[in-house]
Amino acid sequence: MPDPSLAGSPLQGRSAVGASARLPAAVDVQAAEQDRLLELARVAVAVAAGAWPPARLEEELGRGLLPARRAAAFVTLEQAGELRGCMGAMDPEAPAWASVVEAARWAARDDPRFGRLDARELSATDIEISILGPLLRLDDPLAFRLGTDGIVVMRNGRRGLLLPEVATMHGMDRIAMLDTCCRKAGLPPRAWRDPGSEVWAFRTSRFGGPALAGL
């Protein structure tokens, strides 16, 4: 089956800018926007964990300005450096704040690899947010930069995605990244070599902090 962390809408729309020999540019998310998105993710995770009622998230959404950026996003939950949940809201046309809120909810309660996050775990949980930049289709599947570019492999309606840091965390080379991405899509490991497959690259802006900081 496709990777369960790829929740939400298909990877399409304005972010899919077509075949190009270029590589993705950096994603610039200023400190104030990072802070606001992290605030929203913290509240969404706490609500999903049952620490607060759903109305608390609605209050937070109305408390201040919401960033105008539109982007897909992933939210990763970690405890003592170990993965506790990771999900993505993948509609590049959605407001980035909405992508972050949805991904945070899903990471806390809907990642099938883990049980639902409990309120008692919040003090030991860290939140990492990845705001995805535009996708660029690669003419050469091996042209992406390890540790800098994330990748997406698409074929026959299936898609798998790996964030840029996966290469560094797991010591992968480019072929291992591509093979793993295919497996996440439910495809044979070397499916990226097939003429009917598409390989796309993207950059992210990654930031985060403790789940309970400032709450």
N, C-alpha and C. Protein backbone atom coordinates (compact mmCIF):
# COMPACT_ATOMS: atom_id res chain seq x y z
N MET A 1 0.83 -1.21 0.00
CA MET A 1 0.00 0.00 0.00
C MET A 1 0.87 1.25 0.00
N PRO A 2 0.35 2.37 -0.48
CA PRO A 2 1.11 3.62 -0.42
C PRO A 2 1.41 4.02 1.02
N ASP A 3 2.41 4.85 1.19
CA ASP A 3 2.83 5.33 2.50
C ASP A 3 1.67 6.00 3.23
N PRO A 4 1.29 5.53 4.45
CA PRO A 4 0.17 6.14 5.16
C PRO A 4 0.43 7.56 5.59
N SER A 5 1.69 7.98 5.62
CA SER A 5 1.96 9.36 6.04
C SER A 5 1.59 10.38 4.97
N LEU A 6 1.29 9.92 3.75
CA LEU A 6 0.92 10.84 2.68
C LEU A 6 -0.59 11.06 2.70
N ALA A 7 -1.08 11.70 3.75
CA ALA A 7 -2.50 11.97 3.86
C ALA A 7 -2.86 13.21 3.07
N GLY A 8 -4.15 13.41 2.83
CA GLY A 8 -4.61 14.64 2.21
C GLY A 8 -4.68 14.53 0.70
N SER A 9 -4.66 15.67 0.04
CA SER A 9 -4.87 15.74 -1.40
C SER A 9 -3.65 15.28 -2.17
N PRO A 10 -3.84 14.91 -3.46
CA PRO A 10 -2.70 14.48 -4.28
C PRO A 10 -1.68 15.59 -4.45
N LEU A 11 -0.47 15.18 -4.79
CA LEU A 11 0.60 16.12 -5.07
C LEU A 11 0.41 16.64 -6.48
N GLN A 12 -0.28 17.73 -6.61
CA GLN A 12 -0.52 18.31 -7.92
C GLN A 12 -0.85 19.78 -7.76
N GLY A 13 -1.04 20.48 -8.87
CA GLY A 13 -1.39 21.89 -8.80
C GLY A 13 -0.19 22.77 -9.03
N ARG A 14 -0.22 23.95 -8.45
CA ARG A 14 0.79 24.96 -8.76
C ARG A 14 2.19 24.51 -8.39
N SER A 15 2.35 23.63 -7.39
CA SER A 15 3.68 23.20 -6.98
C SER A 15 4.34 22.30 -8.01
N ALA A 16 3.55 21.58 -8.80
CA ALA A 16 4.12 20.68 -9.79
C ALA A 16 4.44 21.48 -11.05
N VAL A 17 5.66 22.00 -11.13
CA VAL A 17 5.98 22.99 -12.14
C VAL A 17 6.60 22.41 -13.40
N GLY A 18 6.64 21.07 -13.51
CA GLY A 18 7.06 20.49 -14.77
C GLY A 18 8.50 20.05 -14.81
N ALA A 19 8.83 19.36 -15.87
CA ALA A 19 10.18 18.82 -16.01
C ALA A 19 11.19 19.93 -16.09
N SER A 20 12.33 19.71 -15.42
CA SER A 20 13.34 20.75 -15.40
C SER A 20 14.67 20.15 -15.01
N ALA A 21 15.74 20.69 -15.57
CA ALA A 21 17.08 20.27 -15.17
C ALA A 21 17.51 21.00 -13.91
N ARG A 22 16.77 22.02 -13.51
CA ARG A 22 17.11 22.76 -12.31
C ARG A 22 16.79 21.94 -11.06
N LEU A 23 17.31 22.38 -9.94
CA LEU A 23 17.01 21.76 -8.66
C LEU A 23 16.24 22.75 -7.81
N PRO A 24 15.45 22.27 -6.85
CA PRO A 24 14.59 23.16 -6.07
C PRO A 24 15.38 24.21 -5.28
N ALA A 25 14.79 25.38 -5.19
CA ALA A 25 15.38 26.46 -4.39
C ALA A 25 15.01 26.29 -2.92
N ALA A 26 15.74 26.97 -2.07
CA ALA A 26 15.47 26.92 -0.64
C ALA A 26 14.10 27.50 -0.33
N VAL A 27 13.49 27.02 0.76
CA VAL A 27 12.20 27.50 1.23
C VAL A 27 12.44 28.46 2.38
N ASP A 28 12.03 29.71 2.21
CA ASP A 28 12.30 30.74 3.22
C ASP A 28 11.06 30.97 4.07
N VAL A 29 11.09 30.50 5.31
CA VAL A 29 10.01 30.75 6.27
C VAL A 29 10.61 31.59 7.40
N GLN A 30 10.18 32.83 7.49
CA GLN A 30 10.74 33.75 8.47
C GLN A 30 10.38 33.33 9.90
N ALA A 31 11.16 33.85 10.87
CA ALA A 31 11.02 33.42 12.26
C ALA A 31 9.61 33.63 12.81
N ALA A 32 8.99 34.77 12.48
CA ALA A 32 7.66 35.04 13.01
C ALA A 32 6.65 34.03 12.48
N GLU A 33 6.77 33.66 11.21
CA GLU A 33 5.87 32.66 10.64
C GLU A 33 6.13 31.29 11.25
N GLN A 34 7.39 30.96 11.46
CA GLN A 34 7.71 29.70 12.12
C GLN A 34 7.07 29.63 13.50
N ASP A 35 7.19 30.72 14.25
CA ASP A 35 6.63 30.74 15.61
C ASP A 35 5.13 30.53 15.59
N ARG A 36 4.44 31.19 14.65
CA ARG A 36 2.98 31.07 14.60
C ARG A 36 2.56 29.66 14.18
N LEU A 37 3.23 29.09 13.21
CA LEU A 37 2.90 27.74 12.78
C LEU A 37 3.18 26.72 13.87
N LEU A 38 4.26 26.94 14.63
CA LEU A 38 4.58 26.02 15.72
C LEU A 38 3.55 26.13 16.83
N GLU A 39 3.08 27.35 17.12
CA GLU A 39 2.00 27.52 18.10
C GLU A 39 0.77 26.70 17.71
N LEU A 40 0.39 26.80 16.45
CA LEU A 40 -0.79 26.08 15.98
C LEU A 40 -0.58 24.57 16.06
N ALA A 41 0.61 24.11 15.69
CA ALA A 41 0.89 22.68 15.75
C ALA A 41 0.84 22.18 17.19
N ARG A 42 1.37 22.95 18.11
CA ARG A 42 1.34 22.54 19.52
C ARG A 42 -0.09 22.39 20.03
N VAL A 43 -0.93 23.35 19.71
CA VAL A 43 -2.33 23.28 20.16
C VAL A 43 -3.03 22.11 19.49
N ALA A 44 -2.81 21.93 18.18
CA ALA A 44 -3.46 20.83 17.47
C ALA A 44 -3.05 19.48 18.05
N VAL A 45 -1.78 19.31 18.37
CA VAL A 45 -1.31 18.05 18.95
C VAL A 45 -1.91 17.84 20.34
N ALA A 46 -1.94 18.90 21.15
CA ALA A 46 -2.50 18.78 22.50
C ALA A 46 -3.98 18.43 22.45
N VAL A 47 -4.72 19.03 21.53
CA VAL A 47 -6.14 18.70 21.38
C VAL A 47 -6.30 17.25 20.92
N ALA A 48 -5.51 16.84 19.93
CA ALA A 48 -5.60 15.47 19.43
C ALA A 48 -5.25 14.44 20.50
N ALA A 49 -4.37 14.82 21.42
CA ALA A 49 -3.97 13.92 22.50
C ALA A 49 -4.97 13.92 23.65
N GLY A 50 -5.99 14.77 23.59
CA GLY A 50 -7.01 14.80 24.63
C GLY A 50 -6.68 15.69 25.81
N ALA A 51 -5.62 16.50 25.68
CA ALA A 51 -5.25 17.37 26.79
C ALA A 51 -6.19 18.58 26.88
N TRP A 52 -6.73 19.00 25.75
CA TRP A 52 -7.64 20.14 25.68
C TRP A 52 -8.85 19.79 24.83
N PRO A 53 -9.96 20.50 25.00
CA PRO A 53 -11.13 20.28 24.14
C PRO A 53 -10.91 20.88 22.76
N PRO A 54 -11.64 20.43 21.75
CA PRO A 54 -11.48 20.96 20.38
C PRO A 54 -11.66 22.48 20.29
N ALA A 55 -12.47 23.04 21.18
CA ALA A 55 -12.69 24.49 21.13
C ALA A 55 -11.40 25.27 21.34
N ARG A 56 -10.44 24.67 22.00
CA ARG A 56 -9.17 25.36 22.26
C ARG A 56 -8.44 25.65 20.96
N LEU A 57 -8.53 24.75 19.99
CA LEU A 57 -7.89 24.99 18.70
C LEU A 57 -8.60 26.11 17.95
N GLU A 58 -9.92 26.14 18.00
CA GLU A 58 -10.65 27.22 17.35
C GLU A 58 -10.29 28.57 17.96
N GLU A 59 -10.10 28.59 19.26
CA GLU A 59 -9.68 29.83 19.92
C GLU A 59 -8.31 30.26 19.43
N GLU A 60 -7.40 29.31 19.29
CA GLU A 60 -6.04 29.63 18.84
C GLU A 60 -6.05 30.15 17.41
N LEU A 61 -6.88 29.56 16.56
CA LEU A 61 -6.96 30.01 15.16
C LEU A 61 -7.47 31.44 15.07
N GLY A 62 -8.30 31.85 16.01
CA GLY A 62 -8.83 33.20 15.99
C GLY A 62 -8.05 34.20 16.80
N ARG A 63 -6.97 33.73 17.41
CA ARG A 63 -6.23 34.59 18.34
C ARG A 63 -5.33 35.59 17.65
N GLY A 64 -4.85 35.26 16.47
CA GLY A 64 -3.90 36.15 15.79
C GLY A 64 -3.93 35.92 14.30
N LEU A 65 -3.08 36.64 13.61
CA LEU A 65 -3.01 36.52 12.16
C LEU A 65 -2.53 35.12 11.75
N LEU A 66 -3.04 34.67 10.62
CA LEU A 66 -2.62 33.39 10.07
C LEU A 66 -1.77 33.65 8.83
N PRO A 67 -0.63 32.96 8.69
CA PRO A 67 0.25 33.20 7.54
C PRO A 67 -0.47 33.00 6.22
N ALA A 68 -0.14 33.81 5.24
CA ALA A 68 -0.80 33.75 3.93
C ALA A 68 -0.21 32.67 3.03
N ARG A 69 0.94 32.13 3.37
CA ARG A 69 1.61 31.13 2.54
C ARG A 69 0.68 29.95 2.25
N ARG A 70 0.81 29.41 1.04
CA ARG A 70 0.12 28.18 0.68
C ARG A 70 1.18 27.11 0.43
N ALA A 71 1.02 25.98 1.09
CA ALA A 71 2.04 24.94 0.98
C ALA A 71 1.55 23.65 1.62
N ALA A 72 2.12 22.55 1.15
CA ALA A 72 1.96 21.27 1.84
C ALA A 72 2.89 21.26 3.06
N ALA A 73 2.62 20.37 4.00
CA ALA A 73 3.43 20.32 5.22
C ALA A 73 3.42 18.92 5.81
N PHE A 74 4.51 18.60 6.47
CA PHE A 74 4.61 17.40 7.30
C PHE A 74 4.81 17.83 8.75
N VAL A 75 4.27 17.05 9.67
CA VAL A 75 4.55 17.23 11.09
C VAL A 75 5.08 15.90 11.62
N THR A 76 6.24 15.97 12.27
CA THR A 76 6.89 14.80 12.85
C THR A 76 6.91 14.94 14.36
N LEU A 77 6.51 13.89 15.05
CA LEU A 77 6.59 13.85 16.51
C LEU A 77 7.70 12.89 16.92
N GLU A 78 8.53 13.34 17.86
CA GLU A 78 9.64 12.52 18.34
C GLU A 78 9.65 12.50 19.86
N GLN A 79 10.17 11.41 20.40
CA GLN A 79 10.38 11.28 21.84
C GLN A 79 11.77 10.71 22.06
N ALA A 80 12.63 11.47 22.73
CA ALA A 80 14.02 11.07 22.97
C ALA A 80 14.71 10.69 21.66
N GLY A 81 14.41 11.45 20.61
CA GLY A 81 15.04 11.22 19.32
C GLY A 81 14.44 10.11 18.50
N GLU A 82 13.41 9.43 19.02
CA GLU A 82 12.77 8.34 18.31
C GLU A 82 11.44 8.80 17.73
N LEU A 83 11.12 8.31 16.54
CA LEU A 83 9.88 8.68 15.87
C LEU A 83 8.67 8.24 16.69
N ARG A 84 7.70 9.15 16.81
CA ARG A 84 6.44 8.85 17.50
C ARG A 84 5.23 9.09 16.60
N GLY A 85 5.45 9.65 15.45
CA GLY A 85 4.37 9.89 14.50
C GLY A 85 4.85 10.84 13.44
N CYS A 86 4.40 10.64 12.20
CA CYS A 86 4.75 11.55 11.11
C CYS A 86 3.70 11.43 10.02
N MET A 87 3.07 12.55 9.73
CA MET A 87 2.03 12.58 8.71
C MET A 87 2.14 13.87 7.91
N GLY A 88 1.62 13.82 6.68
CA GLY A 88 1.69 14.98 5.81
C GLY A 88 0.34 15.35 5.24
N ALA A 89 0.10 16.64 5.13
CA ALA A 89 -1.06 17.19 4.42
C ALA A 89 -0.53 17.73 3.11
N MET A 90 -0.88 17.09 2.00
CA MET A 90 -0.11 17.24 0.78
C MET A 90 -0.75 18.08 -0.31
N ASP A 91 -1.70 18.93 0.03
CA ASP A 91 -2.28 19.82 -0.97
C ASP A 91 -1.46 21.11 -1.03
N PRO A 92 -0.70 21.34 -2.12
CA PRO A 92 0.15 22.53 -2.19
C PRO A 92 -0.64 23.83 -2.31
N GLU A 93 -1.95 23.73 -2.59
CA GLU A 93 -2.77 24.94 -2.72
C GLU A 93 -3.42 25.33 -1.40
N ALA A 94 -3.33 24.49 -0.39
CA ALA A 94 -3.95 24.79 0.91
C ALA A 94 -3.12 25.82 1.66
N PRO A 95 -3.75 26.63 2.52
CA PRO A 95 -2.96 27.50 3.40
C PRO A 95 -1.99 26.66 4.23
N ALA A 96 -0.76 27.14 4.36
CA ALA A 96 0.24 26.37 5.10
C ALA A 96 -0.21 26.11 6.53
N TRP A 97 -0.90 27.09 7.16
CA TRP A 97 -1.34 26.87 8.53
C TRP A 97 -2.35 25.73 8.61
N ALA A 98 -3.22 25.60 7.60
CA ALA A 98 -4.18 24.51 7.59
C ALA A 98 -3.47 23.17 7.38
N SER A 99 -2.46 23.15 6.51
CA SER A 99 -1.68 21.93 6.30
C SER A 99 -1.00 21.50 7.59
N VAL A 100 -0.44 22.47 8.32
CA VAL A 100 0.25 22.15 9.57
C VAL A 100 -0.73 21.62 10.61
N VAL A 101 -1.88 22.25 10.75
CA VAL A 101 -2.87 21.81 11.73
C VAL A 101 -3.33 20.39 11.41
N GLU A 102 -3.65 20.12 10.15
CA GLU A 102 -4.11 18.78 9.78
C GLU A 102 -3.02 17.74 9.99
N ALA A 103 -1.80 18.05 9.54
CA ALA A 103 -0.70 17.10 9.70
C ALA A 103 -0.41 16.84 11.18
N ALA A 104 -0.52 17.87 12.01
CA ALA A 104 -0.29 17.70 13.44
C ALA A 104 -1.34 16.79 14.06
N ARG A 105 -2.60 17.01 13.70
CA ARG A 105 -3.67 16.15 14.21
C ARG A 105 -3.42 14.69 13.82
N TRP A 106 -3.14 14.50 12.52
CA TRP A 106 -2.95 13.14 12.03
C TRP A 106 -1.74 12.47 12.67
N ALA A 107 -0.65 13.22 12.84
CA ALA A 107 0.56 12.64 13.44
C ALA A 107 0.29 12.18 14.87
N ALA A 108 -0.56 12.92 15.59
CA ALA A 108 -0.84 12.60 16.99
C ALA A 108 -1.83 11.45 17.16
N ARG A 109 -2.72 11.27 16.21
CA ARG A 109 -3.80 10.29 16.46
C ARG A 109 -4.01 9.27 15.35
N ASP A 110 -3.48 9.50 14.15
CA ASP A 110 -3.87 8.66 13.01
C ASP A 110 -2.73 7.95 12.31
N ASP A 111 -1.50 8.10 12.77
CA ASP A 111 -0.41 7.36 12.14
C ASP A 111 -0.58 5.88 12.50
N PRO A 112 -0.86 5.02 11.52
CA PRO A 112 -1.14 3.61 11.83
C PRO A 112 0.05 2.84 12.40
N ARG A 113 1.22 3.43 12.35
CA ARG A 113 2.40 2.76 12.90
C ARG A 113 2.49 2.91 14.40
N PHE A 114 1.68 3.80 14.98
CA PHE A 114 1.74 4.08 16.40
C PHE A 114 0.33 4.20 16.96
N GLY A 115 0.21 3.99 18.27
CA GLY A 115 -1.05 4.28 18.92
C GLY A 115 -1.24 5.78 19.06
N ARG A 116 -2.47 6.17 19.39
CA ARG A 116 -2.76 7.59 19.56
C ARG A 116 -1.92 8.18 20.69
N LEU A 117 -1.41 9.37 20.48
CA LEU A 117 -0.62 10.06 21.49
C LEU A 117 -1.49 10.35 22.70
N ASP A 118 -0.98 10.07 23.88
CA ASP A 118 -1.69 10.33 25.12
C ASP A 118 -1.24 11.66 25.71
N ALA A 119 -2.15 12.34 26.40
CA ALA A 119 -1.81 13.64 27.00
C ALA A 119 -0.61 13.55 27.91
N ARG A 120 -0.43 12.40 28.57
CA ARG A 120 0.71 12.24 29.50
C ARG A 120 2.05 12.18 28.77
N GLU A 121 2.03 11.98 27.46
CA GLU A 121 3.26 11.91 26.69
C GLU A 121 3.74 13.27 26.20
N LEU A 122 2.90 14.29 26.31
CA LEU A 122 3.23 15.58 25.71
C LEU A 122 4.53 16.16 26.24
N SER A 123 4.79 16.01 27.53
CA SER A 123 5.99 16.61 28.12
C SER A 123 7.26 15.99 27.57
N ALA A 124 7.16 14.79 27.00
CA ALA A 124 8.34 14.11 26.44
C ALA A 124 8.38 14.17 24.92
N THR A 125 7.49 14.96 24.32
CA THR A 125 7.34 14.96 22.87
C THR A 125 7.88 16.25 22.26
N ASP A 126 8.59 16.11 21.16
CA ASP A 126 9.05 17.24 20.37
C ASP A 126 8.30 17.25 19.04
N ILE A 127 8.06 18.46 18.53
CA ILE A 127 7.36 18.64 17.26
C ILE A 127 8.31 19.22 16.24
N GLU A 128 8.37 18.62 15.06
CA GLU A 128 9.14 19.16 13.95
C GLU A 128 8.18 19.40 12.77
N ILE A 129 8.22 20.58 12.21
CA ILE A 129 7.37 20.95 11.08
C ILE A 129 8.24 21.08 9.83
N SER A 130 7.79 20.50 8.74
CA SER A 130 8.46 20.65 7.44
C SER A 130 7.49 21.31 6.47
N ILE A 131 7.81 22.53 6.06
CA ILE A 131 7.03 23.22 5.04
C ILE A 131 7.66 22.91 3.68
N LEU A 132 6.87 22.32 2.79
CA LEU A 132 7.40 21.88 1.51
C LEU A 132 7.35 23.00 0.47
N GLY A 133 8.45 23.12 -0.27
CA GLY A 133 8.49 24.03 -1.40
C GLY A 133 7.99 23.37 -2.67
N PRO A 134 8.06 24.09 -3.80
CA PRO A 134 7.58 23.54 -5.07
C PRO A 134 8.32 22.28 -5.49
N LEU A 135 7.60 21.40 -6.16
CA LEU A 135 8.19 20.19 -6.71
C LEU A 135 8.77 20.47 -8.09
N LEU A 136 9.91 19.87 -8.36
CA LEU A 136 10.52 19.93 -9.69
C LEU A 136 10.75 18.51 -10.18
N ARG A 137 10.22 18.21 -11.35
CA ARG A 137 10.43 16.87 -11.92
C ARG A 137 11.86 16.77 -12.43
N LEU A 138 12.50 15.64 -12.13
CA LEU A 138 13.89 15.43 -12.51
C LEU A 138 13.97 14.62 -13.80
N ASP A 139 14.72 15.13 -14.76
CA ASP A 139 15.02 14.34 -15.95
C ASP A 139 15.94 13.18 -15.60
N ASP A 140 16.87 13.42 -14.69
CA ASP A 140 17.78 12.39 -14.19
C ASP A 140 17.36 12.07 -12.76
N PRO A 141 16.83 10.88 -12.48
CA PRO A 141 16.36 10.56 -11.13
C PRO A 141 17.44 10.66 -10.06
N LEU A 142 18.70 10.58 -10.46
CA LEU A 142 19.80 10.61 -9.50
C LEU A 142 20.37 12.01 -9.29
N ALA A 143 19.71 13.04 -9.84
CA ALA A 143 20.26 14.39 -9.80
C ALA A 143 20.02 15.11 -8.48
N PHE A 144 19.17 14.57 -7.61
CA PHE A 144 18.86 15.29 -6.37
C PHE A 144 20.04 15.27 -5.41
N ARG A 145 20.03 16.22 -4.47
CA ARG A 145 21.13 16.40 -3.52
C ARG A 145 20.79 15.70 -2.22
N LEU A 146 21.62 14.74 -1.82
CA LEU A 146 21.40 14.01 -0.58
C LEU A 146 21.41 14.95 0.62
N GLY A 147 20.40 14.82 1.47
CA GLY A 147 20.33 15.64 2.68
C GLY A 147 19.79 17.03 2.46
N THR A 148 19.64 17.44 1.19
CA THR A 148 19.11 18.76 0.87
C THR A 148 17.74 18.67 0.21
N ASP A 149 17.59 17.75 -0.73
CA ASP A 149 16.33 17.58 -1.45
C ASP A 149 15.57 16.38 -0.94
N GLY A 150 14.26 16.54 -0.76
CA GLY A 150 13.38 15.40 -0.61
C GLY A 150 12.98 14.90 -1.98
N ILE A 151 12.42 13.69 -2.04
CA ILE A 151 12.03 13.13 -3.32
C ILE A 151 10.63 12.53 -3.25
N VAL A 152 10.00 12.50 -4.41
CA VAL A 152 8.72 11.83 -4.60
C VAL A 152 8.84 10.95 -5.83
N VAL A 153 8.42 9.69 -5.71
CA VAL A 153 8.33 8.79 -6.86
C VAL A 153 6.86 8.54 -7.13
N MET A 154 6.44 8.72 -8.39
CA MET A 154 5.05 8.51 -8.79
C MET A 154 5.00 7.53 -9.96
N ARG A 155 4.01 6.61 -9.87
CA ARG A 155 3.78 5.69 -10.98
C ARG A 155 2.39 5.07 -10.83
N ASN A 156 1.63 5.10 -11.89
CA ASN A 156 0.32 4.44 -11.92
C ASN A 156 -0.57 4.83 -10.74
N GLY A 157 -0.58 6.10 -10.41
CA GLY A 157 -1.42 6.58 -9.33
C GLY A 157 -0.87 6.36 -7.94
N ARG A 158 0.25 5.73 -7.82
CA ARG A 158 0.90 5.53 -6.51
C ARG A 158 2.01 6.55 -6.34
N ARG A 159 2.28 6.91 -5.10
CA ARG A 159 3.36 7.85 -4.84
C ARG A 159 3.96 7.59 -3.48
N GLY A 160 5.25 7.76 -3.40
CA GLY A 160 5.97 7.68 -2.14
C GLY A 160 6.83 8.91 -1.98
N LEU A 161 7.01 9.35 -0.75
CA LEU A 161 7.75 10.58 -0.46
C LEU A 161 8.72 10.34 0.68
N LEU A 162 9.90 10.90 0.54
CA LEU A 162 10.89 10.92 1.62
C LEU A 162 11.35 12.35 1.84
N LEU A 163 11.35 12.79 3.08
CA LEU A 163 11.84 14.12 3.42
C LEU A 163 13.36 14.16 3.31
N PRO A 164 13.95 15.33 3.14
CA PRO A 164 15.41 15.42 2.90
C PRO A 164 16.25 14.79 4.00
N GLU A 165 15.84 14.93 5.25
CA GLU A 165 16.68 14.46 6.36
C GLU A 165 16.76 12.95 6.47
N VAL A 166 15.90 12.23 5.75
CA VAL A 166 15.92 10.77 5.83
C VAL A 166 17.27 10.21 5.38
N ALA A 167 17.86 10.82 4.36
CA ALA A 167 19.14 10.34 3.86
C ALA A 167 20.22 10.40 4.94
N THR A 168 20.27 11.52 5.65
CA THR A 168 21.27 11.70 6.69
C THR A 168 21.00 10.80 7.89
N MET A 169 19.73 10.73 8.29
CA MET A 169 19.36 9.95 9.48
C MET A 169 19.66 8.46 9.31
N HIS A 170 19.50 7.96 8.08
CA HIS A 170 19.64 6.52 7.86
C HIS A 170 20.84 6.16 6.99
N GLY A 171 21.69 7.12 6.69
CA GLY A 171 22.90 6.84 5.94
C GLY A 171 22.65 6.30 4.54
N MET A 172 21.62 6.84 3.87
CA MET A 172 21.26 6.34 2.55
C MET A 172 22.03 7.06 1.45
N ASP A 173 22.34 6.33 0.39
CA ASP A 173 22.81 6.97 -0.83
C ASP A 173 21.61 7.22 -1.73
N ARG A 174 21.83 7.75 -2.92
CA ARG A 174 20.71 8.12 -3.78
C ARG A 174 19.88 6.91 -4.21
N ILE A 175 20.56 5.83 -4.54
CA ILE A 175 19.82 4.64 -4.97
C ILE A 175 18.97 4.09 -3.83
N ALA A 176 19.53 4.07 -2.62
CA ALA A 176 18.76 3.60 -1.47
C ALA A 176 17.55 4.49 -1.20
N MET A 177 17.73 5.81 -1.38
CA MET A 177 16.60 6.72 -1.21
C MET A 177 15.50 6.41 -2.22
N LEU A 178 15.87 6.25 -3.46
CA LEU A 178 14.89 5.99 -4.51
C LEU A 178 14.21 4.64 -4.31
N ASP A 179 14.98 3.61 -3.97
CA ASP A 179 14.40 2.30 -3.72
C ASP A 179 13.41 2.35 -2.56
N THR A 180 13.79 3.04 -1.49
CA THR A 180 12.92 3.14 -0.32
C THR A 180 11.65 3.91 -0.65
N CYS A 181 11.80 4.96 -1.43
CA CYS A 181 10.64 5.76 -1.83
C CYS A 181 9.67 4.90 -2.64
N CYS A 182 10.19 4.05 -3.50
CA CYS A 182 9.33 3.15 -4.26
C CYS A 182 8.59 2.19 -3.34
N ARG A 183 9.29 1.64 -2.36
CA ARG A 183 8.63 0.72 -1.42
C ARG A 183 7.51 1.42 -0.67
N LYS A 184 7.74 2.66 -0.28
CA LYS A 184 6.71 3.41 0.43
C LYS A 184 5.47 3.63 -0.44
N ALA A 185 5.67 3.64 -1.74
CA ALA A 185 4.55 3.79 -2.68
C ALA A 185 3.89 2.46 -3.02
N GLY A 186 4.44 1.35 -2.47
CA GLY A 186 3.91 0.04 -2.81
C GLY A 186 4.38 -0.45 -4.17
N LEU A 187 5.53 0.05 -4.62
CA LEU A 187 6.10 -0.31 -5.91
C LEU A 187 7.35 -1.17 -5.72
N PRO A 188 7.77 -1.91 -6.72
CA PRO A 188 9.05 -2.63 -6.63
C PRO A 188 10.19 -1.65 -6.39
N PRO A 189 11.24 -2.05 -5.69
CA PRO A 189 12.31 -1.12 -5.32
C PRO A 189 12.92 -0.36 -6.48
N ARG A 190 13.09 -0.98 -7.62
CA ARG A 190 13.74 -0.30 -8.75
C ARG A 190 12.74 0.28 -9.74
N ALA A 191 11.51 0.47 -9.31
CA ALA A 191 10.49 1.02 -10.22
C ALA A 191 10.85 2.42 -10.72
N TRP A 192 11.67 3.14 -9.97
CA TRP A 192 12.06 4.49 -10.39
C TRP A 192 12.85 4.49 -11.69
N ARG A 193 13.40 3.35 -12.06
CA ARG A 193 14.15 3.24 -13.31
C ARG A 193 13.24 3.10 -14.52
N ASP A 194 11.99 2.73 -14.31
CA ASP A 194 11.08 2.47 -15.42
C ASP A 194 10.71 3.77 -16.13
N PRO A 195 10.56 3.73 -17.46
CA PRO A 195 10.20 4.95 -18.21
C PRO A 195 8.88 5.58 -17.77
N GLY A 196 7.95 4.77 -17.27
CA GLY A 196 6.66 5.30 -16.86
C GLY A 196 6.65 5.93 -15.47
N SER A 197 7.75 5.89 -14.75
CA SER A 197 7.83 6.47 -13.42
C SER A 197 8.30 7.92 -13.48
N GLU A 198 7.86 8.71 -12.53
CA GLU A 198 8.28 10.10 -12.41
C GLU A 198 8.98 10.30 -11.07
N VAL A 199 10.10 11.00 -11.09
CA VAL A 199 10.82 11.35 -9.86
C VAL A 199 10.86 12.87 -9.74
N TRP A 200 10.42 13.36 -8.61
CA TRP A 200 10.36 14.79 -8.34
C TRP A 200 11.22 15.11 -7.11
N ALA A 201 11.75 16.31 -7.07
CA ALA A 201 12.54 16.77 -5.93
C ALA A 201 11.92 18.02 -5.34
N PHE A 202 12.17 18.24 -4.04
CA PHE A 202 11.66 19.43 -3.36
C PHE A 202 12.58 19.78 -2.19
N ARG A 203 12.49 21.01 -1.75
CA ARG A 203 13.19 21.47 -0.54
C ARG A 203 12.15 21.71 0.56
N THR A 204 12.62 21.78 1.78
CA THR A 204 11.74 22.09 2.90
C THR A 204 12.38 23.15 3.80
N SER A 205 11.54 23.79 4.58
CA SER A 205 11.99 24.56 5.73
C SER A 205 11.54 23.78 6.96
N ARG A 206 12.48 23.37 7.78
CA ARG A 206 12.19 22.49 8.93
C ARG A 206 12.49 23.24 10.22
N PHE A 207 11.56 23.22 11.14
CA PHE A 207 11.73 23.90 12.43
C PHE A 207 10.80 23.23 13.45
N GLY A 208 11.00 23.54 14.71
CA GLY A 208 10.15 22.93 15.72
C GLY A 208 10.61 23.22 17.13
N GLY A 209 10.11 22.42 18.05
CA GLY A 209 10.44 22.62 19.46
C GLY A 209 9.60 21.68 20.32
N PRO A 210 9.76 21.76 21.64
CA PRO A 210 8.99 20.91 22.56
C PRO A 210 7.49 21.13 22.42
N ALA A 211 6.73 20.05 22.58
CA ALA A 211 5.29 20.13 22.38
C ALA A 211 4.60 21.04 23.39
N LEU A 212 5.14 21.15 24.58
CA LEU A 212 4.47 21.93 25.62
C LEU A 212 5.05 23.31 25.83
N ALA A 213 6.09 23.68 25.12
CA ALA A 213 6.70 25.00 25.32
C ALA A 213 5.71 26.10 25.02
N GLY A 214 5.53 27.02 25.96
CA GLY A 214 4.67 28.18 25.76
C GLY A 214 3.19 27.93 25.91
N LEU A 215 2.80 26.67 26.21
CA LEU A 215 1.38 26.38 26.34
C LEU A 215 0.93 26.53 27.80
